[in-house]
PDB file of N, CA and C in Angstrom:
ATOM      1  N   MET A   1      65.587 187.160  69.467  1.00  0.00           N
ATOM      2  CA  MET A   1      65.213 187.545  68.122  1.00  0.00           C
ATOM      3  C   MET A   1      65.644 186.460  67.144  1.00  0.00           C
ATOM      4  N   VAL A   2      66.847 185.956  67.311  1.00  0.00           N
ATOM      5  CA  VAL A   2      67.319 184.902  66.395  1.00  0.00           C
ATOM      6  C   VAL A   2      66.424 183.679  66.501  1.00  0.00           C
ATOM      7  N   ARG A   3      66.102 183.282  67.700  1.00  0.00           N
ATOM      8  CA  ARG A   3      65.244 182.109  67.907  1.00  0.00           C
ATOM      9  C   ARG A   3      63.885 182.325  67.248  1.00  0.00           C
ATOM     10  N   TRP A   4      63.313 183.524  67.393  1.00  0.00           N
ATOM     11  CA  TRP A   4      62.024 183.838  66.792  1.00  0.00           C
ATOM     12  C   TRP A   4      62.097 183.769  65.261  1.00  0.00           C
ATOM     13  N   LEU A   5      63.149 184.334  64.681  1.00  0.00           N
ATOM     14  CA  LEU A   5      63.300 184.291  63.221  1.00  0.00           C
ATOM     15  C   LEU A   5      63.488 182.853  62.723  1.00  0.00           C
ATOM     16  N   VAL A   6      64.201 182.049  63.466  1.00  0.00           N
ATOM     17  CA  VAL A   6      64.423 180.649  63.080  1.00  0.00           C
ATOM     18  C   VAL A   6      63.124 179.855  63.199  1.00  0.00           C
ATOM     19  N   ASN A   7      62.417 180.014  64.311  1.00  0.00           N
ATOM     20  CA  ASN A   7      61.195 179.232  64.540  1.00  0.00           C
ATOM     21  C   ASN A   7      60.028 179.680  63.674  1.00  0.00           C
ATOM     22  N   ASP A   8      59.780 180.972  63.588  1.00  0.00           N
ATOM     23  CA  ASP A   8      58.586 181.465  62.890  1.00  0.00           C
ATOM     24  C   ASP A   8      58.790 181.691  61.397  1.00  0.00           C
ATOM     25  N   TYR A   9      60.004 181.988  60.987  1.00  0.00           N
ATOM     26  CA  TYR A   9      60.260 182.311  59.584  1.00  0.00           C
ATOM     27  C   TYR A   9      61.206 181.321  58.905  1.00  0.00           C
ATOM     28  N   GLN A  10      61.535 180.228  59.591  1.00  0.00           N
ATOM     29  CA  GLN A  10      62.354 179.143  59.057  1.00  0.00           C
ATOM     30  C   GLN A  10      63.688 179.627  58.469  1.00  0.00           C
ATOM     31  N   LEU A  11      64.262 180.668  59.053  1.00  0.00           N
ATOM     32  CA  LEU A  11      65.595 181.097  58.633  1.00  0.00           C
ATOM     33  C   LEU A  11      66.635 180.212  59.288  1.00  0.00           C
ATOM     34  N   GLU A  12      67.749 180.046  58.627  1.00  0.00           N
ATOM     35  CA  GLU A  12      68.886 179.391  59.258  1.00  0.00           C
ATOM     36  C   GLU A  12      69.444 180.360  60.297  1.00  0.00           C
ATOM     37  N   PRO A  13      70.034 179.859  61.393  1.00  0.00           N
ATOM     38  CA  PRO A  13      70.569 180.765  62.413  1.00  0.00           C
ATOM     39  C   PRO A  13      71.557 181.787  61.847  1.00  0.00           C
ATOM     40  N   TRP A  14      72.427 181.355  60.933  1.00  0.00           N
ATOM     41  CA  TRP A  14      73.395 182.307  60.362  1.00  0.00           C
ATOM     42  C   TRP A  14      72.678 183.399  59.570  1.00  0.00           C
ATOM     43  N   ALA A  15      71.567 183.054  58.879  1.00  0.00           N
ATOM     44  CA  ALA A  15      70.824 184.034  58.099  1.00  0.00           C
ATOM     45  C   ALA A  15      70.090 185.013  59.016  1.00  0.00           C
ATOM     46  N   ALA A  16      69.591 184.522  60.148  1.00  0.00           N
ATOM     47  CA  ALA A  16      68.935 185.400  61.116  1.00  0.00           C
ATOM     48  C   ALA A  16      69.933 186.417  61.665  1.00  0.00           C
ATOM     49  N   HIS A  17      71.131 185.969  61.971  1.00  0.00           N
ATOM     50  CA  HIS A  17      72.177 186.884  62.458  1.00  0.00           C
ATOM     51  C   HIS A  17      72.536 187.914  61.391  1.00  0.00           C
ATOM     52  N   GLN A  18      72.631 187.489  60.154  1.00  0.00           N
ATOM     53  CA  GLN A  18      72.951 188.408  59.053  1.00  0.00           C
ATOM     54  C   GLN A  18      71.840 189.446  58.894  1.00  0.00           C
ATOM     55  N   LEU A  19      70.586 189.005  58.956  1.00  0.00           N
ATOM     56  CA  LEU A  19      69.450 189.911  58.810  1.00  0.00           C
ATOM     57  C   LEU A  19      69.443 190.957  59.922  1.00  0.00           C
ATOM     58  N   ILE A  20      69.652 190.519  61.148  1.00  0.00           N
ATOM     59  CA  ILE A  20      69.677 191.450  62.278  1.00  0.00           C
ATOM     60  C   ILE A  20      70.819 192.450  62.121  1.00  0.00           C
ATOM     61  N   GLY A  21      71.977 191.975  61.700  1.00  0.00           N
ATOM     62  CA  GLY A  21      73.113 192.867  61.521  1.00  0.00           C
ATOM     63  C   GLY A  21      72.906 193.881  60.415  1.00  0.00           C
ATOM     64  N   ALA A  22      72.228 193.472  59.344  1.00  0.00           N
ATOM     65  CA  ALA A  22      72.055 194.357  58.186  1.00  0.00           C
ATOM     66  C   ALA A  22      70.829 195.267  58.306  1.00  0.00           C
ATOM     67  N   ALA A  23      69.729 194.767  58.876  1.00  0.00           N
ATOM     68  CA  ALA A  23      68.481 195.521  58.838  1.00  0.00           C
ATOM     69  C   ALA A  23      67.890 195.833  60.210  1.00  0.00           C
ATOM     70  N   GLY A  24      68.466 195.281  61.266  1.00  0.00           N
ATOM     71  CA  GLY A  24      67.912 195.499  62.598  1.00  0.00           C
ATOM     72  C   GLY A  24      68.115 196.925  63.073  1.00  0.00           C
ATOM     73  N   LYS A  25      67.098 197.449  63.745  1.00  0.00           N
ATOM     74  CA  LYS A  25      67.141 198.793  64.327  1.00  0.00           C
ATOM     75  C   LYS A  25      66.859 198.678  65.822  1.00  0.00           C
ATOM     76  N   TYR A  26      67.702 199.307  66.625  1.00  0.00           N
ATOM     77  CA  TYR A  26      67.523 199.308  68.070  1.00  0.00           C
ATOM     78  C   TYR A  26      66.901 200.630  68.497  1.00  0.00           C
ATOM     79  N   ASP A  27      65.916 200.555  69.401  1.00  0.00           N
ATOM     80  CA  ASP A  27      65.274 201.739  69.953  1.00  0.00           C
ATOM     81  C   ASP A  27      65.271 201.635  71.473  1.00  0.00           C
ATOM     82  N   VAL A  28      65.473 202.764  72.159  1.00  0.00           N
ATOM     83  CA  VAL A  28      65.310 202.820  73.604  1.00  0.00           C
ATOM     84  C   VAL A  28      63.818 202.959  73.873  1.00  0.00           C
ATOM     85  N   VAL A  29      63.263 202.052  74.687  1.00  0.00           N
ATOM     86  CA  VAL A  29      61.810 202.040  74.885  1.00  0.00           C
ATOM     87  C   VAL A  29      61.377 202.467  76.285  1.00  0.00           C
ATOM     88  N   THR A  30      62.309 202.597  77.221  1.00  0.00           N
ATOM     89  CA  THR A  30      61.947 203.058  78.559  1.00  0.00           C
ATOM     90  C   THR A  30      62.991 204.049  79.054  1.00  0.00           C
ATOM     91  N   VAL A  31      62.619 204.777  80.083  1.00  0.00           N
ATOM     92  CA  VAL A  31      63.544 205.728  80.691  1.00  0.00           C
ATOM     93  C   VAL A  31      64.730 204.989  81.293  1.00  0.00           C
ATOM     94  N   ALA A  32      64.512 203.762  81.755  1.00  0.00           N
ATOM     95  CA  ALA A  32      65.582 202.977  82.366  1.00  0.00           C
ATOM     96  C   ALA A  32      66.580 202.465  81.330  1.00  0.00           C
ATOM     97  N   GLY A  33      66.258 202.604  80.050  1.00  0.00           N
ATOM     98  CA  GLY A  33      67.196 202.211  79.009  1.00  0.00           C
ATOM     99  C   GLY A  33      66.945 200.863  78.379  1.00  0.00           C
ATOM    100  N   SER A  34      65.772 200.268  78.593  1.00  0.00           N
ATOM    101  CA  SER A  34      65.456 198.999  77.923  1.00  0.00           C
ATOM    102  C   SER A  34      65.470 199.209  76.416  1.00  0.00           C
ATOM    103  N   MET A  35      65.934 198.204  75.698  1.00  0.00           N
ATOM    104  CA  MET A  35      66.073 198.318  74.248  1.00  0.00           C
ATOM    105  C   MET A  35      65.105 197.375  73.542  1.00  0.00           C
ATOM    106  N   ALA A  36      64.687 197.783  72.365  1.00  0.00           N
ATOM    107  CA  ALA A  36      63.859 196.947  71.494  1.00  0.00           C
ATOM    108  C   ALA A  36      64.592 196.799  70.171  1.00  0.00           C
ATOM    109  N   LEU A  37      64.591 195.598  69.637  1.00  0.00           N
ATOM    110  CA  LEU A  37      65.181 195.329  68.328  1.00  0.00           C
ATOM    111  C   LEU A  37      64.042 195.156  67.334  1.00  0.00           C
ATOM    112  N   LYS A  38      64.092 195.905  66.239  1.00  0.00           N
ATOM    113  CA  LYS A  38      63.050 195.837  65.215  1.00  0.00           C
ATOM    114  C   LYS A  38      63.673 195.471  63.878  1.00  0.00           C
ATOM    115  N   VAL A  39      62.941 194.651  63.123  1.00  0.00           N
ATOM    116  CA  VAL A  39      63.339 194.299  61.760  1.00  0.00           C
ATOM    117  C   VAL A  39      62.158 194.662  60.865  1.00  0.00           C
ATOM    118  N   PRO A  40      62.366 195.474  59.832  1.00  0.00           N
ATOM    119  CA  PRO A  40      61.254 195.855  58.951  1.00  0.00           C
ATOM    120  C   PRO A  40      60.548 194.634  58.354  1.00  0.00           C
ATOM    121  N   LYS A  41      59.221 194.706  58.259  1.00  0.00           N
ATOM    122  CA  LYS A  41      58.424 193.582  57.764  1.00  0.00           C
ATOM    123  C   LYS A  41      58.779 193.186  56.340  1.00  0.00           C
ATOM    124  N   LYS A  42      59.274 194.120  55.548  1.00  0.00           N
ATOM    125  CA  LYS A  42      59.607 193.774  54.162  1.00  0.00           C
ATOM    126  C   LYS A  42      60.698 192.711  54.076  1.00  0.00           C
ATOM    127  N   TYR A  43      61.452 192.512  55.153  1.00  0.00           N
ATOM    128  CA  TYR A  43      62.483 191.473  55.181  1.00  0.00           C
ATOM    129  C   TYR A  43      61.970 190.159  55.755  1.00  0.00           C
ATOM    130  N   LEU A  44      60.723 190.111  56.203  1.00  0.00           N
ATOM    131  CA  LEU A  44      60.186 188.926  56.872  1.00  0.00           C
ATOM    132  C   LEU A  44      59.140 188.184  56.042  1.00  0.00           C
ATOM    133  N   VAL A  45      59.218 188.272  54.745  1.00  0.00           N
ATOM    134  CA  VAL A  45      58.266 187.612  53.856  1.00  0.00           C
ATOM    135  C   VAL A  45      58.556 186.107  53.833  1.00  0.00           C
ATOM    136  N   ILE A  46      57.514 185.316  54.037  1.00  0.00           N
ATOM    137  CA  ILE A  46      57.653 183.858  53.962  1.00  0.00           C
ATOM    138  C   ILE A  46      57.403 183.434  52.534  1.00  0.00           C
ATOM    139  N   HIS A  47      58.334 182.694  51.963  1.00  0.00           N
ATOM    140  CA  HIS A  47      58.195 182.226  50.572  1.00  0.00           C
ATOM    141  C   HIS A  47      57.713 180.798  50.543  1.00  0.00           C
TER     142      HIS A  47
END
């Protein structure tokens, strides 16, 4: 997720970590317990 935010949204690595910590939501997506990390689109605006 950090790599994706840095590459696609030109965030600094420290800012990507801060965003994930503040706005990231984890969801269980399979019965086996696989997790998905989601960040609301309102935080991903490119300026």
